[in-house]
C-alpha atoms as a PDB file:
ATOM      1  CA  MET A   1       7.093  18.707  35.559  1.00  0.00           C
ATOM      2  CA  SER A   2       7.088  16.704  32.303  1.00  0.00           C
ATOM      3  CA  GLN A   3       3.315  17.144  32.116  1.00  0.00           C
ATOM      4  CA  SER A   4       3.759  20.924  32.421  1.00  0.00           C
ATOM      5  CA  LYS A   5       6.244  20.874  29.566  1.00  0.00           C
ATOM      6  CA  LYS A   6       3.909  18.941  27.278  1.00  0.00           C
ATOM      7  CA  LEU A   7       1.094  21.292  28.197  1.00  0.00           C
ATOM      8  CA  LEU A   8       3.081  24.319  27.015  1.00  0.00           C
ATOM      9  CA  HIS A   9       3.227  22.951  23.465  1.00  0.00           C
ATOM     10  CA  LEU A  10      -0.536  22.501  23.479  1.00  0.00           C
ATOM     11  CA  ILE A  11      -1.029  25.994  24.897  1.00  0.00           C
ATOM     12  CA  ALA A  12       1.187  27.444  22.153  1.00  0.00           C
ATOM     13  CA  GLU A  13      -0.751  25.683  19.406  1.00  0.00           C
ATOM     14  CA  THR A  14      -4.204  26.629  20.723  1.00  0.00           C
ATOM     15  CA  GLU A  15      -3.336  30.052  22.200  1.00  0.00           C
ATOM     16  CA  ALA A  16      -4.870  29.178  25.565  1.00  0.00           C
ATOM     17  CA  ILE A  17      -3.782  32.325  27.408  1.00  0.00           C
ATOM     18  CA  GLY A  18      -5.652  31.521  30.626  1.00  0.00           C
ATOM     19  CA  SER A  19      -3.992  28.123  30.874  1.00  0.00           C
ATOM     20  CA  PHE A  20      -0.579  29.688  30.330  1.00  0.00           C
ATOM     21  CA  ARG A  21      -1.103  32.219  33.119  1.00  0.00           C
ATOM     22  CA  THR A  22      -2.174  29.448  35.484  1.00  0.00           C
ATOM     23  CA  LEU A  23       0.818  27.288  34.596  1.00  0.00           C
ATOM     24  CA  LYS A  24       3.202  30.221  34.836  1.00  0.00           C
ATOM     25  CA  GLY A  25       2.041  30.901  38.401  1.00  0.00           C
ATOM     26  CA  ARG A  26       2.957  27.373  39.431  1.00  0.00           C
ATOM     27  CA  LEU A  27       6.490  27.343  38.000  1.00  0.00           C
ATOM     28  CA  SER A  28       9.672  29.080  39.050  1.00  0.00           C
ATOM     29  CA  PHE A  29      11.576  31.139  36.460  1.00  0.00           C
ATOM     30  CA  ALA A  30      14.090  28.317  36.030  1.00  0.00           C
ATOM     31  CA  GLN A  31      11.322  25.757  35.529  1.00  0.00           C
ATOM     32  CA  LEU A  32       9.535  28.019  33.049  1.00  0.00           C
ATOM     33  CA  VAL A  33      12.696  28.544  30.983  1.00  0.00           C
ATOM     34  CA  SER A  34      13.279  24.797  30.993  1.00  0.00           C
ATOM     35  CA  ALA A  35       9.700  24.170  29.860  1.00  0.00           C
ATOM     36  CA  LEU A  36       9.942  26.753  27.062  1.00  0.00           C
ATOM     37  CA  THR A  37      13.083  25.115  25.680  1.00  0.00           C
ATOM     38  CA  LEU A  38      11.701  21.575  25.730  1.00  0.00           C
ATOM     39  CA  LYS A  39      11.527  20.073  22.232  1.00  0.00           C
ATOM     40  CA  ASP A  40       8.715  17.899  20.932  1.00  0.00           C
ATOM     41  CA  GLN A  41       9.312  14.510  19.325  1.00  0.00           C
ATOM     42  CA  THR A  42       8.189  15.502  15.827  1.00  0.00           C
ATOM     43  CA  ASN A  43      10.395  18.365  14.622  1.00  0.00           C
ATOM     44  CA  ASN A  44      12.238  19.182  17.843  1.00  0.00           C
ATOM     45  CA  PHE A  45      10.057  22.279  18.132  1.00  0.00           C
ATOM     46  CA  THR A  46       9.901  24.236  21.379  1.00  0.00           C
ATOM     47  CA  PRO A  47       6.602  25.888  22.408  1.00  0.00           C
ATOM     48  CA  LEU A  48       7.935  29.100  20.832  1.00  0.00           C
ATOM     49  CA  HIS A  49       8.509  27.284  17.531  1.00  0.00           C
ATOM     50  CA  SER A  50       4.929  25.985  17.653  1.00  0.00           C
ATOM     51  CA  ALA A  51       3.502  29.449  18.304  1.00  0.00           C
ATOM     52  CA  ALA A  52       5.667  30.932  15.534  1.00  0.00           C
ATOM     53  CA  LYS A  53       4.552  28.302  13.018  1.00  0.00           C
ATOM     54  CA  THR A  54       0.846  28.855  13.623  1.00  0.00           C
ATOM     55  CA  GLY A  55       1.143  32.629  14.009  1.00  0.00           C
ATOM     56  CA  ARG A  56      -0.177  32.557  17.590  1.00  0.00           C
ATOM     57  CA  ARG A  57       1.055  36.028  18.362  1.00  0.00           C
ATOM     58  CA  VAL A  58      -0.753  36.668  21.647  1.00  0.00           C
ATOM     59  CA  VAL A  59       0.470  33.565  23.447  1.00  0.00           C
ATOM     60  CA  LEU A  60       3.961  34.015  22.014  1.00  0.00           C
ATOM     61  CA  ARG A  61       4.131  37.540  23.426  1.00  0.00           C
ATOM     62  CA  HIS A  62       3.015  36.271  26.835  1.00  0.00           C
ATOM     63  CA  MET A  63       5.704  33.596  26.738  1.00  0.00           C
ATOM     64  CA  LEU A  64       8.413  36.052  25.723  1.00  0.00           C
ATOM     65  CA  ALA A  65       7.376  38.516  28.428  1.00  0.00           C
ATOM     66  CA  SER A  66       7.634  35.801  31.080  1.00  0.00           C
ATOM     67  CA  ILE A  67      11.269  34.952  30.275  1.00  0.00           C
ATOM     68  CA  PRO A  68      13.956  36.753  32.320  1.00  0.00           C
ATOM     69  CA  LYS A  69      15.986  39.089  30.082  1.00  0.00           C
ATOM     70  CA  GLY A  70      19.168  37.218  30.845  1.00  0.00           C
ATOM     71  CA  SER A  71      17.668  34.029  29.407  1.00  0.00           C
ATOM     72  CA  LEU A  72      15.896  35.496  26.360  1.00  0.00           C
ATOM     73  CA  TYR A  73      18.669  34.964  23.828  1.00  0.00           C
ATOM     74  CA  PHE A  74      19.241  31.429  25.094  1.00  0.00           C
ATOM     75  CA  VAL A  75      15.561  30.544  24.626  1.00  0.00           C
ATOM     76  CA  LEU A  76      15.266  32.260  21.228  1.00  0.00           C
ATOM     77  CA  SER A  77      18.394  30.576  19.858  1.00  0.00           C
ATOM     78  CA  VAL A  78      17.152  27.006  20.407  1.00  0.00           C
ATOM     79  CA  ARG A  79      17.065  25.161  17.068  1.00  0.00           C
ATOM     80  CA  SER A  80      14.787  22.522  15.569  1.00  0.00           C
ATOM     81  CA  ASP A  81      15.794  19.409  13.598  1.00  0.00           C
ATOM     82  CA  SER A  82      16.319  21.573  10.517  1.00  0.00           C
ATOM     83  CA  GLY A  83      18.475  24.038  12.435  1.00  0.00           C
ATOM     84  CA  GLN A  84      15.754  26.683  12.575  1.00  0.00           C
ATOM     85  CA  THR A  85      15.025  29.017  15.464  1.00  0.00           C
ATOM     86  CA  ALA A  86      11.525  30.305  16.194  1.00  0.00           C
ATOM     87  CA  LEU A  87      12.482  33.361  14.102  1.00  0.00           C
ATOM     88  CA  HIS A  88      13.211  31.148  11.078  1.00  0.00           C
ATOM     89  CA  VAL A  89       9.886  29.358  11.511  1.00  0.00           C
ATOM     90  CA  ALA A  90       7.928  32.621  11.680  1.00  0.00           C
ATOM     91  CA  ALA A  91       9.743  33.925   8.587  1.00  0.00           C
ATOM     92  CA  VAL A  92       9.268  30.782   6.490  1.00  0.00           C
ATOM     93  CA  HIS A  93       5.517  30.803   7.211  1.00  0.00           C
ATOM     94  CA  GLY A  94       5.211  34.513   6.457  1.00  0.00           C
ATOM     95  CA  HIS A  95       4.053  35.595   9.925  1.00  0.00           C
ATOM     96  CA  TRP A  96       5.480  39.122   9.813  1.00  0.00           C
ATOM     97  CA  PRO A  97       3.977  40.310  13.174  1.00  0.00           C
ATOM     98  CA  VAL A  98       5.496  37.281  14.935  1.00  0.00           C
ATOM     99  CA  VAL A  99       8.881  38.017  13.342  1.00  0.00           C
ATOM    100  CA  CYS A 100       8.650  41.544  14.766  1.00  0.00           C
ATOM    101  CA  ASP A 101       7.709  40.305  18.238  1.00  0.00           C
ATOM    102  CA  ILE A 102      10.653  37.907  18.383  1.00  0.00           C
ATOM    103  CA  LEU A 103      13.187  40.496  17.235  1.00  0.00           C
ATOM    104  CA  LEU A 104      11.784  43.186  19.529  1.00  0.00           C
ATOM    105  CA  ALA A 105      12.005  40.767  22.448  1.00  0.00           C
ATOM    106  CA  ALA A 106      15.762  40.405  21.945  1.00  0.00           C
ATOM    107  CA  SER A 107      17.395  42.336  24.760  1.00  0.00           C
ATOM    108  CA  ASN A 108      19.458  44.627  22.490  1.00  0.00           C
ATOM    109  CA  ARG A 109      20.620  45.224  18.917  1.00  0.00           C
ATOM    110  CA  HIS A 110      23.492  42.802  19.421  1.00  0.00           C
ATOM    111  CA  GLY A 111      21.022  40.047  20.276  1.00  0.00           C
ATOM    112  CA  ARG A 112      18.863  40.873  17.241  1.00  0.00           C
ATOM    113  CA  ARG A 113      21.932  40.867  15.023  1.00  0.00           C
ATOM    114  CA  GLN A 114      22.940  37.426  16.271  1.00  0.00           C
ATOM    115  CA  LEU A 115      19.447  36.052  15.628  1.00  0.00           C
ATOM    116  CA  LEU A 116      19.423  37.488  12.097  1.00  0.00           C
ATOM    117  CA  GLN A 117      22.845  35.980  11.377  1.00  0.00           C
ATOM    118  CA  MET A 118      21.815  32.467  12.398  1.00  0.00           C
ATOM    119  CA  ALA A 119      21.548  30.070   9.466  1.00  0.00           C
ATOM    120  CA  ASP A 120      19.555  26.842   9.349  1.00  0.00           C
ATOM    121  CA  CYS A 121      20.794  23.517   7.943  1.00  0.00           C
ATOM    122  CA  ASP A 122      20.324  24.867   4.394  1.00  0.00           C
ATOM    123  CA  GLY A 123      22.346  27.970   5.205  1.00  0.00           C
ATOM    124  CA  ASN A 124      19.263  30.204   5.146  1.00  0.00           C
ATOM    125  CA  THR A 125      18.927  33.131   7.528  1.00  0.00           C
ATOM    126  CA  ALA A 126      15.562  34.655   8.443  1.00  0.00           C
ATOM    127  CA  LEU A 127      16.198  37.193   5.653  1.00  0.00           C
ATOM    128  CA  HIS A 128      16.508  34.395   3.085  1.00  0.00           C
ATOM    129  CA  LEU A 129      13.203  32.932   4.239  1.00  0.00           C
ATOM    130  CA  ALA A 130      11.500  36.341   4.316  1.00  0.00           C
ATOM    131  CA  ALA A 131      12.685  36.969   0.749  1.00  0.00           C
ATOM    132  CA  SER A 132      10.637  33.997  -0.453  1.00  0.00           C
ATOM    133  CA  HIS A 133       7.497  35.925   0.570  1.00  0.00           C
ATOM    134  CA  GLY A 134       8.303  38.896  -1.630  1.00  0.00           C
ATOM    135  CA  ILE A 135       9.954  42.272  -1.724  1.00  0.00           C
ATOM    136  CA  LYS A 136       7.516  43.982   0.674  1.00  0.00           C
ATOM    137  CA  THR A 137       8.114  41.611   3.604  1.00  0.00           C
ATOM    138  CA  PHE A 138      11.847  41.691   2.947  1.00  0.00           C
ATOM    139  CA  THR A 139      11.882  45.496   2.954  1.00  0.00           C
ATOM    140  CA  LYS A 140       9.926  45.640   6.216  1.00  0.00           C
ATOM    141  CA  LEU A 141      12.453  43.381   7.880  1.00  0.00           C
ATOM    142  CA  THR A 142      15.464  45.373   6.686  1.00  0.00           C
ATOM    143  CA  ARG A 143      13.819  48.714   7.466  1.00  0.00           C
ATOM    144  CA  HIS A 144      12.923  47.891  11.045  1.00  0.00           C
ATOM    145  CA  PHE A 145      15.790  45.698  12.164  1.00  0.00           C
ATOM    146  CA  LEU A 146      18.892  46.479  10.114  1.00  0.00           C
ATOM    147  CA  VAL A 147      20.978  49.603   9.733  1.00  0.00           C
ATOM    148  CA  ALA A 148      23.334  50.619   6.952  1.00  0.00           C
ATOM    149  CA  ASN A 149      26.472  49.210   8.578  1.00  0.00           C
ATOM    150  CA  GLU A 150      24.840  45.781   8.875  1.00  0.00           C
ATOM    151  CA  ARG A 151      24.723  45.143   5.152  1.00  0.00           C
ATOM    152  CA  ASP A 152      26.945  42.104   5.720  1.00  0.00           C
ATOM    153  CA  ILE A 153      23.876  40.255   7.046  1.00  0.00           C
ATOM    154  CA  ILE A 154      22.003  40.668   3.770  1.00  0.00           C
ATOM    155  CA  GLU A 155      25.042  39.380   1.886  1.00  0.00           C
ATOM    156  CA  ILE A 156      25.241  36.072   3.779  1.00  0.00           C
ATOM    157  CA  ARG A 157      25.062  33.205   1.284  1.00  0.00           C
ATOM    158  CA  ASN A 158      23.174  29.959   1.858  1.00  0.00           C
ATOM    159  CA  ASN A 159      24.307  26.469   0.861  1.00  0.00           C
ATOM    160  CA  ARG A 160      23.258  27.207  -2.733  1.00  0.00           C
ATOM    161  CA  ASN A 161      25.481  30.293  -2.733  1.00  0.00           C
ATOM    162  CA  GLU A 162      22.466  32.634  -2.847  1.00  0.00           C
ATOM    163  CA  THR A 163      22.021  35.873  -0.926  1.00  0.00           C
ATOM    164  CA  ALA A 164      18.619  37.001   0.314  1.00  0.00           C
ATOM    165  CA  GLY A 165      18.593  39.699  -2.372  1.00  0.00           C
ATOM    166  CA  GLU A 166      19.166  37.119  -5.094  1.00  0.00           C
ATOM    167  CA  LEU A 167      16.322  34.990  -3.750  1.00  0.00           C
ATOM    168  CA  ILE A 168      13.959  37.939  -4.185  1.00  0.00           C
ATOM    169  CA  LEU A 169      14.625  37.797  -7.920  1.00  0.00           C
ATOM    170  CA  LYS A 170      13.562  34.143  -7.966  1.00  0.00           C
ATOM    171  CA  HIS A 171      10.228  34.825  -6.273  1.00  0.00           C
ATOM    172  CA  CYS A 172       9.254  38.270  -7.602  1.00  0.00           C
ATOM    173  CA  PRO A 173       8.724  39.634 -11.140  1.00  0.00           C
ATOM    174  CA  LEU A 174      11.660  41.797 -12.200  1.00  0.00           C
ATOM    175  CA  PRO A 175       9.577  44.960 -12.867  1.00  0.00           C
ATOM    176  CA  ALA A 176       8.008  44.735  -9.396  1.00  0.00           C
ATOM    177  CA  VAL A 177      11.410  44.530  -7.722  1.00  0.00           C
ATOM    178  CA  THR A 178      12.749  47.464  -9.738  1.00  0.00           C
ATOM    179  CA  GLU A 179       9.761  49.679  -8.949  1.00  0.00           C
ATOM    180  CA  HIS A 180       9.772  48.858  -5.252  1.00  0.00           C
ATOM    181  CA  VAL A 181      13.501  49.369  -4.767  1.00  0.00           C
ATOM    182  CA  GLN A 182      13.510  52.648  -6.675  1.00  0.00           C
ATOM    183  CA  THR A 183      10.276  54.248  -5.435  1.00  0.00           C
ATOM    184  CA  LYS A 184       8.824  52.568  -2.347  1.00  0.00           C
ATOM    185  CA  ALA A 185      11.687  51.242  -0.258  1.00  0.00           C
ATOM    186  CA  PRO A 186      13.023  53.662   2.401  1.00  0.00           C
ATOM    187  CA  SER A 187      16.567  54.948   1.953  1.00  0.00           C
ATOM    188  CA  SER A 188      18.027  52.503   4.498  1.00  0.00           C
ATOM    189  CA  SER A 189      16.478  49.543   2.690  1.00  0.00           C
ATOM    190  CA  ARG A 190      17.583  50.821  -0.712  1.00  0.00           C
ATOM    191  CA  MET A 191      21.168  50.775   0.496  1.00  0.00           C
ATOM    192  CA  LEU A 192      20.764  47.254   1.818  1.00  0.00           C
ATOM    193  CA  LEU A 193      19.066  46.157  -1.413  1.00  0.00           C
ATOM    194  CA  LYS A 194      21.865  47.502  -3.584  1.00  0.00           C
ATOM    195  CA  SER A 195      23.254  44.026  -4.159  1.00  0.00           C
ATOM    196  CA  CYS A 196      19.782  42.925  -5.267  1.00  0.00           C
ATOM    197  CA  ASN A 197      19.587  45.843  -7.689  1.00  0.00           C
ATOM    198  CA  GLU A 198      23.030  45.053  -9.101  1.00  0.00           C
ATOM    199  CA  LYS A 199      21.941  41.470  -9.619  1.00  0.00           C
ATOM    200  CA  LEU A 200      18.757  42.735 -11.269  1.00  0.00           C
ATOM    201  CA  ASP A 201      20.749  44.766 -13.815  1.00  0.00           C
ATOM    202  CA  LEU A 202      22.928  41.745 -14.577  1.00  0.00           C
ATOM    203  CA  THR A 203      19.871  39.523 -14.971  1.00  0.00           C
ATOM    204  CA  GLN A 204      18.339  41.921 -17.492  1.00  0.00           C
ATOM    205  CA  VAL A 205      21.564  41.914 -19.523  1.00  0.00           C
ATOM    206  CA  ILE A 206      21.664  38.113 -19.494  1.00  0.00           C
ATOM    207  CA  GLU A 207      18.018  37.890 -20.590  1.00  0.00           C
ATOM    208  CA  SER A 208      18.692  40.290 -23.452  1.00  0.00           C
ATOM    209  CA  GLN A 209      21.726  38.272 -24.561  1.00  0.00           C
ATOM    210  CA  ASN A 210      19.780  35.005 -24.373  1.00  0.00           C
ATOM    211  CA  GLN A 211      17.039  36.475 -26.556  1.00  0.00           C
ATOM    212  CA  ARG A 212      19.635  37.621 -29.092  1.00  0.00           C
ATOM    213  CA  ILE A 213      21.231  34.153 -29.129  1.00  0.00           C
ATOM    214  CA  ALA A 214      17.828  32.548 -29.725  1.00  0.00           C
ATOM    215  CA  GLU A 215      17.219  34.858 -32.699  1.00  0.00           C
ATOM    216  CA  LEU A 216      20.621  34.012 -34.219  1.00  0.00           C
ATOM    217  CA  MET A 217      20.051  30.277 -33.732  1.00  0.00           C
ATOM    218  CA  SER A 218      16.703  30.573 -35.505  1.00  0.00           C
ATOM    219  CA  MET A 219      18.342  32.391 -38.413  1.00  0.00           C
ATOM    220  CA  ILE A 220      21.094  29.750 -38.665  1.00  0.00           C
ATOM    221  CA  SER A 221      18.490  26.990 -38.680  1.00  0.00           C
ATOM    222  CA  LYS A 222      16.644  28.636 -41.584  1.00  0.00           C
ATOM    223  CA  LEU A 223      19.882  29.120 -43.535  1.00  0.00           C
ATOM    224  CA  ASN A 224      20.854  25.472 -43.048  1.00  0.00           C
ATOM    225  CA  ALA A 225      17.438  24.344 -44.244  1.00  0.00           C
ATOM    226  CA  GLU A 226      17.792  26.477 -47.373  1.00  0.00           C
ATOM    227  CA  LYS A 227      21.295  25.102 -47.986  1.00  0.00           C
ATOM    228  CA  ASP A 228      20.034  21.516 -47.752  1.00  0.00           C
ATOM    229  CA  ARG A 229      17.281  22.310 -50.236  1.00  0.00           C
ATOM    230  CA  LEU A 230      19.722  23.779 -52.740  1.00  0.00           C
ATOM    231  CA  LEU A 231      22.195  20.915 -52.365  1.00  0.00           C
ATOM    232  CA  ALA A 232      19.429  18.416 -52.943  1.00  0.00           C
ATOM    233  CA  ALA A 233      18.566  20.244 -56.174  1.00  0.00           C
ATOM    234  CA  GLY A 234      22.212  19.906 -57.266  1.00  0.00           C
ATOM    235  CA  SER A 235      22.585  23.550 -58.196  1.00  0.00           C
ATOM    236  CA  LYS A 236      26.200  24.645 -57.707  1.00  0.00           C
ATOM    237  CA  GLU A 237      25.463  28.172 -58.838  1.00  0.00           C
ATOM    238  CA  ASP A 238      22.624  28.513 -56.382  1.00  0.00           C
ATOM    239  CA  GLU A 239      24.905  27.195 -53.639  1.00  0.00           C
ATOM    240  CA  LYS A 240      27.439  29.934 -54.385  1.00  0.00           C
ATOM    241  CA  ASN A 241      24.645  32.499 -54.238  1.00  0.00           C
ATOM    242  CA  PHE A 242      23.529  31.009 -50.926  1.00  0.00           C
ATOM    243  CA  VAL A 243      27.022  31.285 -49.420  1.00  0.00           C
ATOM    244  CA  SER A 244      27.272  34.889 -50.587  1.00  0.00           C
ATOM    245  CA  THR A 245      23.843  35.732 -49.140  1.00  0.00           C
ATOM    246  CA  ALA A 246      24.602  34.038 -45.815  1.00  0.00           C
ATOM    247  CA  THR A 247      27.930  35.867 -45.522  1.00  0.00           C
ATOM    248  CA  ASN A 248      26.283  39.218 -46.174  1.00  0.00           C
ATOM    249  CA  THR A 249      23.570  38.448 -43.613  1.00  0.00           C
ATOM    250  CA  VAL A 250      26.086  37.606 -40.887  1.00  0.00           C
ATOM    251  CA  ASP A 251      28.148  40.699 -41.720  1.00  0.00           C
ATOM    252  CA  GLN A 252      25.051  42.864 -41.385  1.00  0.00           C
ATOM    253  CA  GLU A 253      24.202  41.286 -38.021  1.00  0.00           C
ATOM    254  CA  ASP A 254      27.699  42.077 -36.738  1.00  0.00           C
END
């Protein structure tokens, strides 16, 4: 039995479909479920984790189809050393088709919701990890697997107090996010991305304020340099003129 379990990891990594079918025929359902939840000694990956990491979609679909529906959520919720399920692993490596297969395999919307709510050791859900691959992947995930009343999932915060929407802003140019949210995202995703859009508006305001502060600091630096020059020359009259000029400049800026 232990040999069969080790073989499943190899099958998952190499996508040896014929070998999987042969092995499946020799195991009972209980033995197969046990084999699919066995963890390796490297990252505590199950065969499903291994298939998700390498994007081996065909063998992963065969494995999922062989699991009794009553055991699907149990198998899909097994975590690695870093607290990640196979869904997390597929998301972090950007394997969008594998993400779809795993979520579609969940027996119902409740099961999908539970998988999407699961956070790894860093507090990241699959949505957080999908966000690191850009706005398009994130939108696909929300469009296909979330509905409007599940916005709470997108607002889950990781250990750094970041939502998935906020992570998008770290990995995507601001104009690209704005354009996609306003013109390309479907209505359901736009609603779910509202928090991202609100954050985007705030970020633009902050950037504008920071630019203004930098300009004022530059002006102050120039004024101080001019003051030092005049003081070194010992001209009291020029210093008075300087103070008057500086005051007028600041008043105009206000």
